[in-house]
Protein backbone atom coordinates (compact mmCIF):
# COMPACT_ATOMS: atom_id res chain seq x y z
CA UNK A 1 92.15 98.63 90.65
CA UNK A 2 89.76 95.85 90.17
CA UNK A 3 87.73 94.29 92.63
CA UNK A 4 88.38 90.62 93.28
CA UNK A 5 84.96 88.25 92.95
CA UNK A 6 84.89 85.18 94.32
CA UNK A 7 81.64 82.65 94.51
CA UNK A 8 80.01 84.06 97.72
CA UNK A 9 82.17 87.46 98.69
CA UNK A 10 83.82 90.28 96.87
CA UNK A 11 86.86 92.21 97.95
CA UNK A 12 87.01 95.83 96.71
CA UNK A 13 88.70 99.07 98.61
CA UNK A 14 86.55 100.71 101.48
CA UNK A 15 85.00 103.97 100.18
CA UNK A 16 83.96 106.84 102.08
CA UNK A 17 79.73 106.37 101.18
CA UNK A 18 80.95 102.89 103.14
CA UNK A 19 81.14 104.50 106.16
CA UNK A 20 77.75 104.17 107.67
CA UNK A 21 77.68 100.19 107.13
CA UNK A 22 81.73 99.85 108.21
CA UNK A 23 80.82 101.57 111.19
CA UNK A 24 77.62 99.53 112.34
CA UNK A 25 79.42 96.38 112.37
CA UNK A 26 82.66 97.80 114.03
CA UNK A 27 80.58 99.12 117.14
CA UNK A 28 78.23 96.42 117.05
CA UNK A 29 80.93 93.86 117.00
CA UNK A 30 83.41 96.26 118.98
CA UNK A 31 84.16 93.50 121.86
CA UNK A 32 84.73 90.75 119.86
CA UNK A 33 87.31 92.61 117.36
CA UNK A 34 89.24 94.78 119.53
CA UNK A 35 90.36 92.31 121.86
CA UNK A 36 92.85 90.96 118.81
CA UNK A 37 93.55 94.28 117.88
CA UNK A 38 96.52 97.10 118.48
CA UNK A 39 95.69 99.88 121.04
CA UNK A 40 95.08 102.76 118.50
CA UNK A 41 97.83 105.73 119.24
CA UNK A 42 97.04 108.13 122.04
CA UNK A 43 94.91 110.96 120.75
CA UNK A 44 94.02 108.82 117.66
CA UNK A 45 90.38 109.38 116.59
CA UNK A 46 88.50 106.50 115.89
CA UNK A 47 86.84 105.94 112.42
CA UNK A 48 83.91 104.24 113.99
CA UNK A 49 83.14 107.39 115.37
CA UNK A 50 84.07 110.39 113.25
CA UNK A 51 82.95 109.93 109.41
CA UNK A 52 86.38 112.35 108.26
CA UNK A 53 88.86 109.73 110.34
CA UNK A 54 87.04 106.95 108.42
CA UNK A 55 87.28 108.73 104.73
CA UNK A 56 91.17 109.42 105.90
CA UNK A 57 91.63 105.61 106.81
CA UNK A 58 90.20 104.97 103.51
CA UNK A 59 92.69 107.88 101.57
CA UNK A 60 95.55 106.20 103.80
CA UNK A 61 94.96 102.93 102.11
CA UNK A 62 94.48 104.50 98.67
CA UNK A 63 97.92 105.83 99.17
CA UNK A 64 99.54 102.75 100.03
CA UNK A 65 98.15 100.83 97.51
CA UNK A 66 99.08 103.55 94.80
CA UNK A 67 102.99 102.67 96.43
CA UNK A 68 102.74 99.17 96.25
CA UNK A 69 103.05 99.40 100.44
CA UNK A 70 99.12 97.90 101.24
CA UNK A 71 96.22 96.51 99.77
CA UNK A 72 93.15 96.96 102.39
CA UNK A 73 89.79 95.50 100.68
CA UNK A 74 86.18 95.32 102.22
CA UNK A 75 85.21 91.68 102.52
CA UNK A 76 81.13 92.17 101.00
CA UNK A 77 78.74 89.67 100.33
CA UNK A 78 77.73 89.05 97.10
CA UNK A 79 74.34 91.21 98.17
CA UNK A 80 76.54 94.22 98.61
CA UNK A 81 75.69 93.86 102.62
CA UNK A 82 79.36 94.52 104.50
CA UNK A 83 81.15 92.18 105.93
CA UNK A 84 84.46 92.62 107.28
CA UNK A 85 87.87 93.50 105.88
CA UNK A 86 90.80 91.40 104.55
CA UNK A 87 94.34 93.05 104.19
CA UNK A 88 97.84 92.38 102.47
CA UNK A 89 99.77 94.85 104.34
CA UNK A 90 103.60 95.68 104.88
CA UNK A 91 104.64 94.63 101.48
CA UNK A 92 107.98 94.36 101.17
CA UNK A 93 109.93 94.09 97.73
CA UNK A 94 113.81 93.81 97.06
CA UNK A 95 114.90 90.34 97.98
CA UNK A 96 111.67 89.67 100.84
CA UNK A 97 108.96 90.11 98.18
CA UNK A 98 106.41 89.55 100.82
CA UNK A 99 103.62 90.80 102.65
CA UNK A 100 101.39 90.22 105.75
CA UNK A 101 97.76 88.81 105.42
CA UNK A 102 95.14 90.26 107.72
CA UNK A 103 91.32 89.69 108.37
CA UNK A 104 88.16 90.39 110.47
CA UNK A 105 84.54 89.51 110.28
CA UNK A 106 81.62 90.90 111.59
CA UNK A 107 80.86 88.62 114.58
CA UNK A 108 77.29 87.25 112.80
CA UNK A 109 78.70 85.87 109.86
CA UNK A 110 81.55 84.36 111.58
CA UNK A 111 81.78 80.33 110.79
CA UNK A 112 80.22 80.61 107.26
CA UNK A 113 83.57 80.47 105.40
CA UNK A 114 83.03 83.60 104.20
CA UNK A 115 87.21 84.64 105.33
CA UNK A 116 88.69 81.53 103.89
CA UNK A 117 87.13 82.44 100.81
CA UNK A 118 88.52 86.15 100.74
CA UNK A 119 91.96 85.16 101.96
CA UNK A 120 92.38 82.82 99.11
CA UNK A 121 91.39 85.81 96.98
CA UNK A 122 93.78 87.94 98.60
CA UNK A 123 96.35 85.29 98.53
CA UNK A 124 96.00 84.58 94.67
CA UNK A 125 96.04 88.61 94.09
CA UNK A 126 99.27 88.52 95.79
CA UNK A 127 101.11 85.35 94.36
CA UNK A 128 99.61 86.10 90.47
CA UNK A 129 99.48 89.66 90.28
CA UNK A 130 101.79 90.84 92.56
CA UNK A 131 103.95 88.67 92.51
CA UNK A 132 105.37 88.25 95.59
CA UNK A 133 106.94 85.07 96.46
CA UNK A 134 105.80 84.59 100.32
CA UNK A 135 102.64 85.75 102.75
CA UNK A 136 102.58 85.51 106.50
CA UNK A 137 99.73 85.90 108.66
CA UNK A 138 100.80 86.34 112.44
CA UNK A 139 98.10 85.48 114.62
CA UNK A 140 97.66 85.40 118.55
CA UNK A 141 97.60 81.80 119.99
CA UNK A 142 94.62 82.36 121.95
CA UNK A 143 92.44 83.43 118.92
CA UNK A 144 91.30 79.67 117.97
CA UNK A 145 88.85 81.61 115.10
CA UNK A 146 91.49 83.14 113.29
CA UNK A 147 93.51 80.27 113.71
CA UNK A 148 90.98 78.25 111.84
CA UNK A 149 91.04 80.26 109.16
CA UNK A 150 95.03 79.37 108.88
CA UNK A 151 94.56 75.70 109.51
CA UNK A 152 91.70 75.46 106.91
CA UNK A 153 94.14 76.88 104.28
CA UNK A 154 96.96 74.44 105.73
CA UNK A 155 99.05 77.42 105.97
CA UNK A 156 102.41 76.48 107.20
CA UNK A 157 102.94 76.68 111.32
CA UNK A 158 106.56 78.46 110.99
CA UNK A 159 106.53 78.44 115.42
CA UNK A 160 105.65 81.53 117.76
CA UNK A 161 107.41 84.84 118.39
CA UNK A 162 107.68 85.76 121.31
CA UNK A 163 106.41 89.20 122.21
CA UNK A 164 105.89 89.64 118.48
CA UNK A 165 103.14 92.40 117.89
CA UNK A 166 101.46 95.14 120.33
CA UNK A 167 97.82 94.21 121.39
CA UNK A 168 95.82 95.99 123.30
CA UNK A 169 98.64 97.85 124.85
CA UNK A 170 100.65 94.31 125.66
CA UNK A 171 103.22 92.81 123.57
CA UNK A 172 102.15 89.33 122.72
CA UNK A 173 103.36 86.16 121.23
CA UNK A 174 101.93 85.60 117.69
CA UNK A 175 102.21 82.22 115.54
CA UNK A 176 103.63 82.66 112.45
CA UNK A 177 101.87 80.78 109.54
CA UNK A 178 102.85 81.60 105.83
CA UNK A 179 103.29 80.09 102.50
CA UNK A 180 105.30 80.48 99.51
CA UNK A 181 104.82 80.71 95.81
CA UNK A 182 106.20 77.42 95.54
CA UNK A 183 103.62 76.15 97.60
CA UNK A 184 100.54 78.24 95.91
CA UNK A 185 101.97 76.71 92.95
CA UNK A 186 101.55 73.65 93.83
CA UNK A 187 97.86 73.58 95.70
CA UNK A 188 96.73 76.95 95.15
CA UNK A 189 94.42 75.55 92.39
CA UNK A 190 93.28 73.24 95.03
CA UNK A 191 92.55 76.05 97.38
CA UNK A 192 90.66 77.90 94.70
CA UNK A 193 88.30 75.15 93.82
CA UNK A 194 87.23 74.71 97.34
CA UNK A 195 87.04 77.79 99.05
CA UNK A 196 86.19 80.53 95.62
CA UNK A 197 84.59 78.32 93.01
CA UNK A 198 82.67 75.63 94.62
């Protein structure tokens, strides 16, 4: 599959040889990142601590991509340095034609506009290439940094889903943000101009 190229970032699937740089960021930013993530299944191996587990994780993303079920990308700066991840998960076809956008970034690189650029790239790919009708992002209300990304991109706040997703062992409320392809057709070019081709 082709990489997604912006003006300051590139999205490409993670490969087993990315483990060292991925691991460094995940371990250094563990507290910053994990408080917003689901608790892993009991007995699962942490890919930040085990190279083979990371290799399996890359393989799982490859299989999901092959079956049009999910699309995971590493977020890299144009100099090749690893910055985070942007993903399109839980793709549903049939009458839904939708998927969920997720993202995280190295704490040291937060607030510089890299994530909005990466999210616009994946939205462009989802709507224009995959022909999806709707994208959603579900964010814990107190996660101000992630909510800022949704606000910058003018994603529609559709309200709060009660106890929507397990985060660190607790089912937490999430604000559901969304955009449909009709909205993308109206203002996607503005988002691309503002965040991708500056």
